[in-house]
Amino acid sequence: MIATTRLTRRFGTFTAVDSLTLQVSPGEVFGFLGPNGAGKTTVMRMLAALIAPTEGDARVAGFDVRRDGHRIRQVVGILTEAPGLYRKLSARENLRFYAKLYGVRDPDARATAMLQRLQMEASQDVPVGRFSKGMTQKIAIARALIHDPQLVFLDEPTSGLDPEAAFLVREFIANLKAQGKTVFLCTHRLEEAERLCDRVAVFRRKILALDTPQELRRGRFGSRTLIELSRHDDTLVEAVRSLPFVAAVQWRKAPPSASPTLIVTLGDPRTQNPELVRRLVDRGAEIRFVREEQASLEQAYLSLTGSLNLD
């Protein structure tokens, strides 16, 4: 659905996007993560054929971003940070207007269907300028989908929304995924990306990492097994460290009253935990419990873009 090769955009002497190469498959929810100013919106605008790249190539829905901009804009949906709605028009009038622009066969029926899907029939004749931000965002997403595109670009869709409105928007994105739509989600909300995305790219002018949320967590830190013991014994650290599959081992920092707990970093806890437990028991350890702890996507992200101490 999306394929780029060394896609670059400069503004004067400033390089906003540096040699971006990636592929997004049909039906994938692809998260594009990065801090404000990382170049995420610039990438989205190039892919939606709103601005031209300085260098490199990209194809979107089979069309070239340089030669086929008009065709791309016809077949994709886009939600920008600014909703782009007419504040004096009602929700129905906005959706009907954009449906006509896209050449939808029955604009009235399509607008009605979208409002029903959003459960906004009761507010359909209210001017958009009187809506809350969450309601406005829902109408903006409906506008991006009014022509039933197979590819949707969403730029910070929950930014500035209260928790209830953000939840509704996330549910909307999950429904798009269930319908087989391709979603390119620009966000800096990591819990949102972890919940919704098949793959994510951590981006700051160029890709720092690209994988599934699960593999990004595992790739940066491995999986950690926490083993609570009845007593502190430093010889157990050396016994565990000598196992060939153990990447790291240390005591968890905790108040003196807490039970001593070993933190052991493994590649595959499911297959390696039994041997780890056997080694500890053989060395006289009394184990109170064993549990796996994986790093969050937030921890992986911070590790890629800054410094992080998991302890």
C-alpha atoms as a PDB file:
ATOM      1  CA  MET A   1       0.000   0.000   0.000  1.00  0.00           C
ATOM      2  CA  ILE A   2       2.920   2.362   0.778  1.00  0.00           C
ATOM      3  CA  ALA A   3       6.498   1.968  -0.424  1.00  0.00           C
ATOM      4  CA  THR A   4       9.188   4.634  -0.057  1.00  0.00           C
ATOM      5  CA  THR A   5      12.853   4.687  -1.043  1.00  0.00           C
ATOM      6  CA  ARG A   6      15.199   7.247   0.517  1.00  0.00           C
ATOM      7  CA  LEU A   7      12.367   9.758   0.786  1.00  0.00           C
ATOM      8  CA  THR A   8      13.805  13.124   1.872  1.00  0.00           C
ATOM      9  CA  ARG A   9      12.386  16.568   2.511  1.00  0.00           C
ATOM     10  CA  ARG A  10      14.393  19.703   3.165  1.00  0.00           C
ATOM     11  CA  PHE A  11      13.185  23.169   4.073  1.00  0.00           C
ATOM     12  CA  GLY A  12      16.079  25.392   3.054  1.00  0.00           C
ATOM     13  CA  THR A  13      19.134  24.004   4.823  1.00  0.00           C
ATOM     14  CA  PHE A  14      17.049  22.070   7.379  1.00  0.00           C
ATOM     15  CA  THR A  15      16.452  18.363   6.700  1.00  0.00           C
ATOM     16  CA  ALA A  16      13.068  17.443   8.163  1.00  0.00           C
ATOM     17  CA  VAL A  17      12.996  13.891   6.757  1.00  0.00           C
ATOM     18  CA  ASP A  18      16.215  12.064   5.951  1.00  0.00           C
ATOM     19  CA  SER A  19      16.257   9.083   3.534  1.00  0.00           C
ATOM     20  CA  LEU A  20      13.074   7.329   4.693  1.00  0.00           C
ATOM     21  CA  THR A  21      12.701   3.800   3.322  1.00  0.00           C
ATOM     22  CA  LEU A  22       9.733   1.705   4.457  1.00  0.00           C
ATOM     23  CA  GLN A  23       6.839  -0.459   3.300  1.00  0.00           C
ATOM     24  CA  VAL A  24       3.319  -0.615   4.714  1.00  0.00           C
ATOM     25  CA  SER A  25       1.149  -3.579   3.750  1.00  0.00           C
ATOM     26  CA  PRO A  26      -2.565  -3.472   2.872  1.00  0.00           C
ATOM     27  CA  GLY A  27      -4.747  -3.842   5.968  1.00  0.00           C
ATOM     28  CA  GLU A  28      -1.955  -2.862   8.354  1.00  0.00           C
ATOM     29  CA  VAL A  29      -2.236  -0.314  11.139  1.00  0.00           C
ATOM     30  CA  PHE A  30       1.201   1.265  11.006  1.00  0.00           C
ATOM     31  CA  GLY A  31       2.305   3.518  13.861  1.00  0.00           C
ATOM     32  CA  PHE A  32       4.709   6.367  13.213  1.00  0.00           C
ATOM     33  CA  LEU A  33       6.081   7.402  16.599  1.00  0.00           C
ATOM     34  CA  GLY A  34       8.213  10.357  17.474  1.00  0.00           C
ATOM     35  CA  PRO A  35       8.383  13.533  19.547  1.00  0.00           C
ATOM     36  CA  ASN A  36       6.929  16.822  18.382  1.00  0.00           C
ATOM     37  CA  GLY A  37       9.081  18.223  15.598  1.00  0.00           C
ATOM     38  CA  ALA A  38      10.417  14.796  14.572  1.00  0.00           C
ATOM     39  CA  GLY A  39       9.111  15.140  10.999  1.00  0.00           C
ATOM     40  CA  LYS A  40       6.093  12.822  11.291  1.00  0.00           C
ATOM     41  CA  THR A  41       3.633  15.295   9.803  1.00  0.00           C
ATOM     42  CA  THR A  42       6.035  16.106   6.961  1.00  0.00           C
ATOM     43  CA  VAL A  43       6.204  12.406   6.073  1.00  0.00           C
ATOM     44  CA  MET A  44       2.420  12.120   6.110  1.00  0.00           C
ATOM     45  CA  ARG A  45       2.018  15.177   3.900  1.00  0.00           C
ATOM     46  CA  MET A  46       4.478  13.812   1.359  1.00  0.00           C
ATOM     47  CA  LEU A  47       2.720  10.435   1.285  1.00  0.00           C
ATOM     48  CA  ALA A  48      -0.676  12.111   0.899  1.00  0.00           C
ATOM     49  CA  ALA A  49       0.757  14.175  -2.008  1.00  0.00           C
ATOM     50  CA  LEU A  50       0.212  17.469  -0.227  1.00  0.00           C
ATOM     51  CA  ILE A  51       3.887  18.458  -0.493  1.00  0.00           C
ATOM     52  CA  ALA A  52       6.588  17.142  -2.811  1.00  0.00           C
ATOM     53  CA  PRO A  53       9.703  15.320  -1.626  1.00  0.00           C
ATOM     54  CA  THR A  54      13.091  16.923  -2.164  1.00  0.00           C
ATOM     55  CA  GLU A  55      14.672  13.574  -3.011  1.00  0.00           C
ATOM     56  CA  GLY A  56      13.699   9.912  -3.142  1.00  0.00           C
ATOM     57  CA  ASP A  57      10.607   8.088  -4.326  1.00  0.00           C
ATOM     58  CA  ALA A  58       7.312   6.888  -2.920  1.00  0.00           C
ATOM     59  CA  ARG A  59       4.306   5.001  -4.202  1.00  0.00           C
ATOM     60  CA  VAL A  60       0.978   5.148  -2.401  1.00  0.00           C
ATOM     61  CA  ALA A  61      -1.925   2.878  -3.382  1.00  0.00           C
ATOM     62  CA  GLY A  62      -0.022   2.131  -6.568  1.00  0.00           C
ATOM     63  CA  PHE A  63       0.500   5.781  -7.537  1.00  0.00           C
ATOM     64  CA  ASP A  64       3.698   7.839  -7.669  1.00  0.00           C
ATOM     65  CA  VAL A  65       3.693  10.789  -5.261  1.00  0.00           C
ATOM     66  CA  ARG A  66       5.481  13.008  -7.783  1.00  0.00           C
ATOM     67  CA  ARG A  67       3.413  12.262 -10.904  1.00  0.00           C
ATOM     68  CA  ASP A  68       0.053  11.112  -9.557  1.00  0.00           C
ATOM     69  CA  GLY A  69      -0.702  13.495  -6.712  1.00  0.00           C
ATOM     70  CA  HIS A  70      -4.275  14.123  -7.851  1.00  0.00           C
ATOM     71  CA  ARG A  71      -5.030  10.385  -7.993  1.00  0.00           C
ATOM     72  CA  ILE A  72      -3.542   9.823  -4.536  1.00  0.00           C
ATOM     73  CA  ARG A  73      -5.635  12.592  -2.999  1.00  0.00           C
ATOM     74  CA  GLN A  74      -8.734  10.982  -4.527  1.00  0.00           C
ATOM     75  CA  VAL A  75      -8.168   7.546  -3.009  1.00  0.00           C
ATOM     76  CA  VAL A  76      -6.748   8.258   0.473  1.00  0.00           C
ATOM     77  CA  GLY A  77      -8.325   9.815   3.536  1.00  0.00           C
ATOM     78  CA  ILE A  78      -6.425  12.227   5.734  1.00  0.00           C
ATOM     79  CA  LEU A  79      -6.951  13.698   9.186  1.00  0.00           C
ATOM     80  CA  THR A  80      -4.670  16.642   9.861  1.00  0.00           C
ATOM     81  CA  GLU A  81      -4.051  18.262  13.248  1.00  0.00           C
ATOM     82  CA  ALA A  82      -6.393  21.083  12.180  1.00  0.00           C
ATOM     83  CA  PRO A  83      -9.803  19.442  11.556  1.00  0.00           C
ATOM     84  CA  GLY A  84     -10.518  21.447   8.365  1.00  0.00           C
ATOM     85  CA  LEU A  85     -14.279  21.676   8.925  1.00  0.00           C
ATOM     86  CA  TYR A  86     -16.607  24.574   8.211  1.00  0.00           C
ATOM     87  CA  ARG A  87     -17.617  25.824  11.631  1.00  0.00           C
ATOM     88  CA  LYS A  88     -20.876  27.504  10.520  1.00  0.00           C
ATOM     89  CA  LEU A  89     -22.108  24.373   8.757  1.00  0.00           C
ATOM     90  CA  SER A  90     -23.724  21.503  10.632  1.00  0.00           C
ATOM     91  CA  ALA A  91     -22.144  18.093  10.936  1.00  0.00           C
ATOM     92  CA  ARG A  92     -24.444  16.752   8.199  1.00  0.00           C
ATOM     93  CA  GLU A  93     -23.725  19.698   5.901  1.00  0.00           C
ATOM     94  CA  ASN A  94     -19.967  19.284   6.342  1.00  0.00           C
ATOM     95  CA  LEU A  95     -20.058  15.588   5.534  1.00  0.00           C
ATOM     96  CA  ARG A  96     -22.401  16.063   2.594  1.00  0.00           C
ATOM     97  CA  PHE A  97     -20.186  18.827   1.181  1.00  0.00           C
ATOM     98  CA  TYR A  98     -17.038  16.682   1.320  1.00  0.00           C
ATOM     99  CA  ALA A  99     -18.908  13.680  -0.072  1.00  0.00           C
ATOM    100  CA  LYS A 100     -19.827  15.762  -3.120  1.00  0.00           C
ATOM    101  CA  LEU A 101     -16.205  16.908  -3.520  1.00  0.00           C
ATOM    102  CA  TYR A 102     -15.087  13.279  -3.605  1.00  0.00           C
ATOM    103  CA  GLY A 103     -17.785  12.337  -6.100  1.00  0.00           C
ATOM    104  CA  VAL A 104     -19.676  10.028  -3.748  1.00  0.00           C
ATOM    105  CA  ARG A 105     -22.721   8.706  -5.595  1.00  0.00           C
ATOM    106  CA  ASP A 106     -25.305   9.508  -2.878  1.00  0.00           C
ATOM    107  CA  PRO A 107     -23.836  12.202  -0.579  1.00  0.00           C
ATOM    108  CA  ASP A 108     -26.931  12.436   1.635  1.00  0.00           C
ATOM    109  CA  ALA A 109     -27.070   8.694   2.300  1.00  0.00           C
ATOM    110  CA  ARG A 110     -23.337   8.513   2.947  1.00  0.00           C
ATOM    111  CA  ALA A 111     -23.458  11.440   5.402  1.00  0.00           C
ATOM    112  CA  THR A 112     -26.367   9.810   7.231  1.00  0.00           C
ATOM    113  CA  ALA A 113     -24.569   6.479   7.429  1.00  0.00           C
ATOM    114  CA  MET A 114     -21.431   8.067   8.876  1.00  0.00           C
ATOM    115  CA  LEU A 115     -23.417  10.014  11.471  1.00  0.00           C
ATOM    116  CA  GLN A 116     -25.231   6.840  12.517  1.00  0.00           C
ATOM    117  CA  ARG A 117     -21.935   5.001  12.798  1.00  0.00           C
ATOM    118  CA  LEU A 118     -20.654   7.776  15.063  1.00  0.00           C
ATOM    119  CA  GLN A 119     -23.913   7.782  17.066  1.00  0.00           C
ATOM    120  CA  MET A 120     -24.225  11.503  16.373  1.00  0.00           C
ATOM    121  CA  GLU A 121     -27.698  11.652  14.803  1.00  0.00           C
ATOM    122  CA  ALA A 122     -28.951  13.847  17.649  1.00  0.00           C
ATOM    123  CA  SER A 123     -26.302  16.501  16.853  1.00  0.00           C
ATOM    124  CA  GLN A 124     -26.320  16.216  13.085  1.00  0.00           C
ATOM    125  CA  ASP A 125     -27.919  19.633  12.508  1.00  0.00           C
ATOM    126  CA  VAL A 126     -25.828  21.516  15.083  1.00  0.00           C
ATOM    127  CA  PRO A 127     -23.126  23.858  13.676  1.00  0.00           C
ATOM    128  CA  VAL A 128     -19.705  22.251  14.085  1.00  0.00           C
ATOM    129  CA  GLY A 129     -18.420  25.430  15.738  1.00  0.00           C
ATOM    130  CA  ARG A 130     -20.547  24.565  18.785  1.00  0.00           C
ATOM    131  CA  PHE A 131     -19.097  21.055  19.163  1.00  0.00           C
ATOM    132  CA  SER A 132     -16.643  19.948  21.817  1.00  0.00           C
ATOM    133  CA  LYS A 133     -13.176  19.034  20.601  1.00  0.00           C
ATOM    134  CA  GLY A 134     -13.968  15.338  20.848  1.00  0.00           C
ATOM    135  CA  MET A 135     -17.142  15.683  18.768  1.00  0.00           C
ATOM    136  CA  THR A 136     -15.295  17.819  16.224  1.00  0.00           C
ATOM    137  CA  GLN A 137     -12.567  15.181  15.966  1.00  0.00           C
ATOM    138  CA  LYS A 138     -15.127  12.461  15.336  1.00  0.00           C
ATOM    139  CA  ILE A 139     -16.658  14.477  12.492  1.00  0.00           C
ATOM    140  CA  ALA A 140     -13.163  15.164  11.110  1.00  0.00           C
ATOM    141  CA  ILE A 141     -12.431  11.429  11.059  1.00  0.00           C
ATOM    142  CA  ALA A 142     -15.796  10.807   9.382  1.00  0.00           C
ATOM    143  CA  ARG A 143     -14.874  13.410   6.763  1.00  0.00           C
ATOM    144  CA  ALA A 144     -11.577  11.587   6.116  1.00  0.00           C
ATOM    145  CA  LEU A 145     -13.585   8.376   5.536  1.00  0.00           C
ATOM    146  CA  ILE A 146     -16.553   9.825   3.665  1.00  0.00           C
ATOM    147  CA  HIS A 147     -15.390   8.386   0.312  1.00  0.00           C
ATOM    148  CA  ASP A 148     -14.552   4.963   1.823  1.00  0.00           C
ATOM    149  CA  PRO A 149     -10.789   5.052   1.206  1.00  0.00           C
ATOM    150  CA  GLN A 150      -8.676   1.939   1.679  1.00  0.00           C
ATOM    151  CA  LEU A 151      -5.794   4.008   3.126  1.00  0.00           C
ATOM    152  CA  VAL A 152      -6.231   6.568   5.911  1.00  0.00           C
ATOM    153  CA  PHE A 153      -3.615   8.955   7.302  1.00  0.00           C
ATOM    154  CA  LEU A 154      -4.307  10.053  10.883  1.00  0.00           C
ATOM    155  CA  ASP A 155      -2.143  12.779  12.409  1.00  0.00           C
ATOM    156  CA  GLU A 156      -2.338  12.813  16.225  1.00  0.00           C
ATOM    157  CA  PRO A 157      -6.033  11.824  16.217  1.00  0.00           C
ATOM    158  CA  THR A 158      -6.410  11.939  20.030  1.00  0.00           C
ATOM    159  CA  SER A 159      -4.228  14.975  20.742  1.00  0.00           C
ATOM    160  CA  GLY A 160      -5.855  17.285  23.276  1.00  0.00           C
ATOM    161  CA  LEU A 161      -8.913  15.085  23.799  1.00  0.00           C
ATOM    162  CA  ASP A 162     -10.332  14.134  27.167  1.00  0.00           C
ATOM    163  CA  PRO A 163     -10.140  10.417  28.089  1.00  0.00           C
ATOM    164  CA  GLU A 164     -13.701   9.631  26.972  1.00  0.00           C
ATOM    165  CA  ALA A 165     -13.290  11.286  23.578  1.00  0.00           C
ATOM    166  CA  ALA A 166      -9.849   9.673  23.087  1.00  0.00           C
ATOM    167  CA  PHE A 167     -11.386   6.273  23.848  1.00  0.00           C
ATOM    168  CA  LEU A 168     -14.079   6.821  21.208  1.00  0.00           C
ATOM    169  CA  VAL A 169     -11.481   7.755  18.606  1.00  0.00           C
ATOM    170  CA  ARG A 170      -9.369   4.686  19.426  1.00  0.00           C
ATOM    171  CA  GLU A 171     -12.467   2.500  19.052  1.00  0.00           C
ATOM    172  CA  PHE A 172     -13.066   4.100  15.665  1.00  0.00           C
ATOM    173  CA  ILE A 173      -9.505   3.222  14.571  1.00  0.00           C
ATOM    174  CA  ALA A 174      -9.949  -0.349  15.810  1.00  0.00           C
ATOM    175  CA  ASN A 175     -13.094  -0.601  13.669  1.00  0.00           C
ATOM    176  CA  LEU A 176     -11.131   0.569  10.625  1.00  0.00           C
ATOM    177  CA  LYS A 177      -8.639  -2.208  11.265  1.00  0.00           C
ATOM    178  CA  ALA A 178     -11.450  -4.752  11.537  1.00  0.00           C
ATOM    179  CA  GLN A 179     -12.724  -3.605   8.127  1.00  0.00           C
ATOM    180  CA  GLY A 180      -9.329  -4.231   6.540  1.00  0.00           C
ATOM    181  CA  LYS A 181      -8.439  -0.574   6.039  1.00  0.00           C
ATOM    182  CA  THR A 182      -4.803   0.473   6.009  1.00  0.00           C
ATOM    183  CA  VAL A 183      -4.098   3.102   8.670  1.00  0.00           C
ATOM    184  CA  PHE A 184      -0.956   5.242   8.888  1.00  0.00           C
ATOM    185  CA  LEU A 185      -1.077   6.611  12.428  1.00  0.00           C
ATOM    186  CA  CYS A 186       1.223   9.494  13.378  1.00  0.00           C
ATOM    187  CA  THR A 187       1.318   9.801  17.146  1.00  0.00           C
ATOM    188  CA  HIS A 188       3.474  10.402  20.171  1.00  0.00           C
ATOM    189  CA  ARG A 189       1.005   8.545  22.428  1.00  0.00           C
ATOM    190  CA  LEU A 190       2.798   5.274  23.002  1.00  0.00           C
ATOM    191  CA  GLU A 191      -0.004   3.438  24.798  1.00  0.00           C
ATOM    192  CA  GLU A 192      -2.205   4.226  21.798  1.00  0.00           C
ATOM    193  CA  ALA A 193       0.308   2.777  19.352  1.00  0.00           C
ATOM    194  CA  GLU A 194       0.894  -0.308  21.504  1.00  0.00           C
ATOM    195  CA  ARG A 195      -2.825  -1.010  21.648  1.00  0.00           C
ATOM    196  CA  LEU A 196      -3.685  -0.396  17.987  1.00  0.00           C
ATOM    197  CA  CYS A 197      -0.668  -0.947  15.745  1.00  0.00           C
ATOM    198  CA  ASP A 198       0.580  -4.051  13.962  1.00  0.00           C
ATOM    199  CA  ARG A 199       4.015  -2.462  13.523  1.00  0.00           C
ATOM    200  CA  VAL A 200       5.571   0.781  14.665  1.00  0.00           C
ATOM    201  CA  ALA A 201       8.481   2.893  13.527  1.00  0.00           C
ATOM    202  CA  VAL A 202      10.300   5.125  15.998  1.00  0.00           C
ATOM    203  CA  PHE A 203      11.182   8.177  13.949  1.00  0.00           C
ATOM    204  CA  ARG A 204      13.201  11.337  14.390  1.00  0.00           C
ATOM    205  CA  ARG A 205      14.080  12.652  10.925  1.00  0.00           C
ATOM    206  CA  LYS A 206      15.001   9.049  10.107  1.00  0.00           C
ATOM    207  CA  ILE A 207      13.840   5.640  11.332  1.00  0.00           C
ATOM    208  CA  LEU A 208      15.524   4.633  14.588  1.00  0.00           C
ATOM    209  CA  ALA A 209      13.739   1.277  14.855  1.00  0.00           C
ATOM    210  CA  LEU A 210      10.899  -0.555  13.094  1.00  0.00           C
ATOM    211  CA  ASP A 211       9.122  -3.706  14.298  1.00  0.00           C
ATOM    212  CA  THR A 212       6.032  -4.941  16.101  1.00  0.00           C
ATOM    213  CA  PRO A 213       5.485  -3.350  19.531  1.00  0.00           C
ATOM    214  CA  GLN A 214       6.246  -6.715  21.144  1.00  0.00           C
ATOM    215  CA  GLU A 215       9.530  -7.192  19.293  1.00  0.00           C
ATOM    216  CA  LEU A 216      10.606  -3.615  19.925  1.00  0.00           C
ATOM    217  CA  ARG A 217      10.185  -4.218  23.648  1.00  0.00           C
ATOM    218  CA  ARG A 218      11.969  -7.548  23.504  1.00  0.00           C
ATOM    219  CA  GLY A 219      14.667  -6.320  21.135  1.00  0.00           C
ATOM    220  CA  ARG A 220      15.673  -3.419  23.327  1.00  0.00           C
ATOM    221  CA  PHE A 221      15.546  -5.147  26.699  1.00  0.00           C
ATOM    222  CA  GLY A 222      14.734  -8.820  26.301  1.00  0.00           C
ATOM    223  CA  SER A 223      12.219 -10.256  28.743  1.00  0.00           C
ATOM    224  CA  ARG A 224      12.831 -10.006  32.458  1.00  0.00           C
ATOM    225  CA  THR A 225      12.003 -12.721  34.964  1.00  0.00           C
ATOM    226  CA  LEU A 226      11.451 -11.548  38.538  1.00  0.00           C
ATOM    227  CA  ILE A 227      12.220 -14.154  41.196  1.00  0.00           C
ATOM    228  CA  GLU A 228      11.284 -13.356  44.791  1.00  0.00           C
ATOM    229  CA  LEU A 229      13.403 -15.240  47.322  1.00  0.00           C
ATOM    230  CA  SER A 230      13.122 -15.855  51.031  1.00  0.00           C
ATOM    231  CA  ARG A 231      16.641 -14.511  51.711  1.00  0.00           C
ATOM    232  CA  HIS A 232      19.392 -12.456  50.116  1.00  0.00           C
ATOM    233  CA  ASP A 233      22.335 -14.537  48.853  1.00  0.00           C
ATOM    234  CA  ASP A 234      24.922 -12.996  46.523  1.00  0.00           C
ATOM    235  CA  THR A 235      26.214 -16.387  45.426  1.00  0.00           C
ATOM    236  CA  LEU A 236      22.920 -16.892  43.593  1.00  0.00           C
ATOM    237  CA  VAL A 237      23.748 -13.987  41.253  1.00  0.00           C
ATOM    238  CA  GLU A 238      26.912 -15.730  40.066  1.00  0.00           C
ATOM    239  CA  ALA A 239      25.101 -19.051  39.743  1.00  0.00           C
ATOM    240  CA  VAL A 240      22.476 -17.494  37.501  1.00  0.00           C
ATOM    241  CA  ARG A 241      24.950 -15.386  35.529  1.00  0.00           C
ATOM    242  CA  SER A 242      26.871 -18.539  34.516  1.00  0.00           C
ATOM    243  CA  LEU A 243      23.879 -19.843  32.563  1.00  0.00           C
ATOM    244  CA  PRO A 244      24.590 -19.304  28.832  1.00  0.00           C
ATOM    245  CA  PHE A 245      21.150 -17.850  28.004  1.00  0.00           C
ATOM    246  CA  VAL A 246      21.143 -15.195  30.763  1.00  0.00           C
ATOM    247  CA  ALA A 247      21.790 -11.703  29.392  1.00  0.00           C
ATOM    248  CA  ALA A 248      21.859  -9.911  32.757  1.00  0.00           C
ATOM    249  CA  VAL A 249      21.079 -10.476  36.434  1.00  0.00           C
ATOM    250  CA  GLN A 250      20.861  -8.124  39.399  1.00  0.00           C
ATOM    251  CA  TRP A 251      19.013  -7.534  42.643  1.00  0.00           C
ATOM    252  CA  ARG A 252      15.974  -5.307  42.445  1.00  0.00           C
ATOM    253  CA  LYS A 253      16.396  -2.071  44.368  1.00  0.00           C
ATOM    254  CA  ALA A 254      13.768  -2.081  47.118  1.00  0.00           C
ATOM    255  CA  PRO A 255      13.251  -1.029  50.749  1.00  0.00           C
ATOM    256  CA  PRO A 256      14.980  -3.266  53.335  1.00  0.00           C
ATOM    257  CA  SER A 257      11.590  -4.633  54.418  1.00  0.00           C
ATOM    258  CA  ALA A 258      10.815  -5.975  50.923  1.00  0.00           C
ATOM    259  CA  SER A 259      11.601  -9.538  49.930  1.00  0.00           C
ATOM    260  CA  PRO A 260      14.881  -9.872  47.979  1.00  0.00           C
ATOM    261  CA  THR A 261      14.111 -10.201  44.264  1.00  0.00           C
ATOM    262  CA  LEU A 262      16.396 -11.153  41.402  1.00  0.00           C
ATOM    263  CA  ILE A 263      15.853  -9.518  37.999  1.00  0.00           C
ATOM    264  CA  VAL A 264      17.033 -11.866  35.247  1.00  0.00           C
ATOM    265  CA  THR A 265      17.008 -10.784  31.580  1.00  0.00           C
ATOM    266  CA  LEU A 266      16.348 -13.659  29.174  1.00  0.00           C
ATOM    267  CA  GLY A 267      15.779 -14.080  25.470  1.00  0.00           C
ATOM    268  CA  ASP A 268      12.895 -16.566  25.766  1.00  0.00           C
ATOM    269  CA  PRO A 269      11.483 -16.939  29.304  1.00  0.00           C
ATOM    270  CA  ARG A 270       8.986 -19.616  28.275  1.00  0.00           C
ATOM    271  CA  THR A 271      11.729 -22.117  27.478  1.00  0.00           C
ATOM    272  CA  GLN A 272      14.493 -20.771  29.737  1.00  0.00           C
ATOM    273  CA  ASN A 273      12.674 -20.163  33.029  1.00  0.00           C
ATOM    274  CA  PRO A 274      12.542 -23.875  34.018  1.00  0.00           C
ATOM    275  CA  GLU A 275      16.336 -24.239  33.775  1.00  0.00           C
ATOM    276  CA  LEU A 276      16.773 -20.935  35.616  1.00  0.00           C
ATOM    277  CA  VAL A 277      14.552 -22.105  38.489  1.00  0.00           C
ATOM    278  CA  ARG A 278      16.334 -25.469  38.649  1.00  0.00           C
ATOM    279  CA  ARG A 279      19.712 -23.751  38.976  1.00  0.00           C
ATOM    280  CA  LEU A 280      18.465 -21.609  41.866  1.00  0.00           C
ATOM    281  CA  VAL A 281      16.849 -24.529  43.694  1.00  0.00           C
ATOM    282  CA  ASP A 282      20.018 -26.608  43.262  1.00  0.00           C
ATOM    283  CA  ARG A 283      21.945 -23.769  44.940  1.00  0.00           C
ATOM    284  CA  GLY A 284      19.607 -23.810  47.952  1.00  0.00           C
ATOM    285  CA  ALA A 285      17.339 -20.905  47.038  1.00  0.00           C
ATOM    286  CA  GLU A 286      13.867 -20.801  48.554  1.00  0.00           C
ATOM    287  CA  ILE A 287      11.661 -19.300  45.830  1.00  0.00           C
ATOM    288  CA  ARG A 288       8.461 -17.491  46.793  1.00  0.00           C
ATOM    289  CA  PHE A 289       7.231 -16.623  43.303  1.00  0.00           C
ATOM    290  CA  VAL A 290       8.357 -16.261  39.685  1.00  0.00           C
ATOM    291  CA  ARG A 291       6.830 -13.902  37.152  1.00  0.00           C
ATOM    292  CA  GLU A 292       7.722 -12.440  33.786  1.00  0.00           C
ATOM    293  CA  GLU A 293       7.990  -8.704  33.290  1.00  0.00           C
ATOM    294  CA  GLN A 294       8.305  -7.152  29.845  1.00  0.00           C
ATOM    295  CA  ALA A 295       9.406  -3.614  29.169  1.00  0.00           C
ATOM    296  CA  SER A 296       6.690  -1.322  27.846  1.00  0.00           C
ATOM    297  CA  LEU A 297       6.778   0.290  24.436  1.00  0.00           C
ATOM    298  CA  GLU A 298       7.318   3.565  26.282  1.00  0.00           C
ATOM    299  CA  GLN A 299      10.518   2.213  27.815  1.00  0.00           C
ATOM    300  CA  ALA A 300      11.734   0.979  24.433  1.00  0.00           C
ATOM    301  CA  TYR A 301      10.904   4.345  22.872  1.00  0.00           C
ATOM    302  CA  LEU A 302      12.734   6.305  25.567  1.00  0.00           C
ATOM    303  CA  SER A 303      15.707   4.016  25.239  1.00  0.00           C
ATOM    304  CA  LEU A 304      15.836   4.715  21.491  1.00  0.00           C
ATOM    305  CA  THR A 305      15.373   8.465  21.755  1.00  0.00           C
ATOM    306  CA  GLY A 306      17.065   9.260  25.059  1.00  0.00           C
ATOM    307  CA  SER A 307      18.351   7.670  28.247  1.00  0.00           C
ATOM    308  CA  LEU A 308      16.442   5.315  30.479  1.00  0.00           C
ATOM    309  CA  ASN A 309      17.193   3.321  33.593  1.00  0.00           C
ATOM    310  CA  LEU A 310      14.714   0.506  34.126  1.00  0.00           C
ATOM    311  CA  ASP A 311      15.596   0.074  37.779  1.00  0.00           C
END
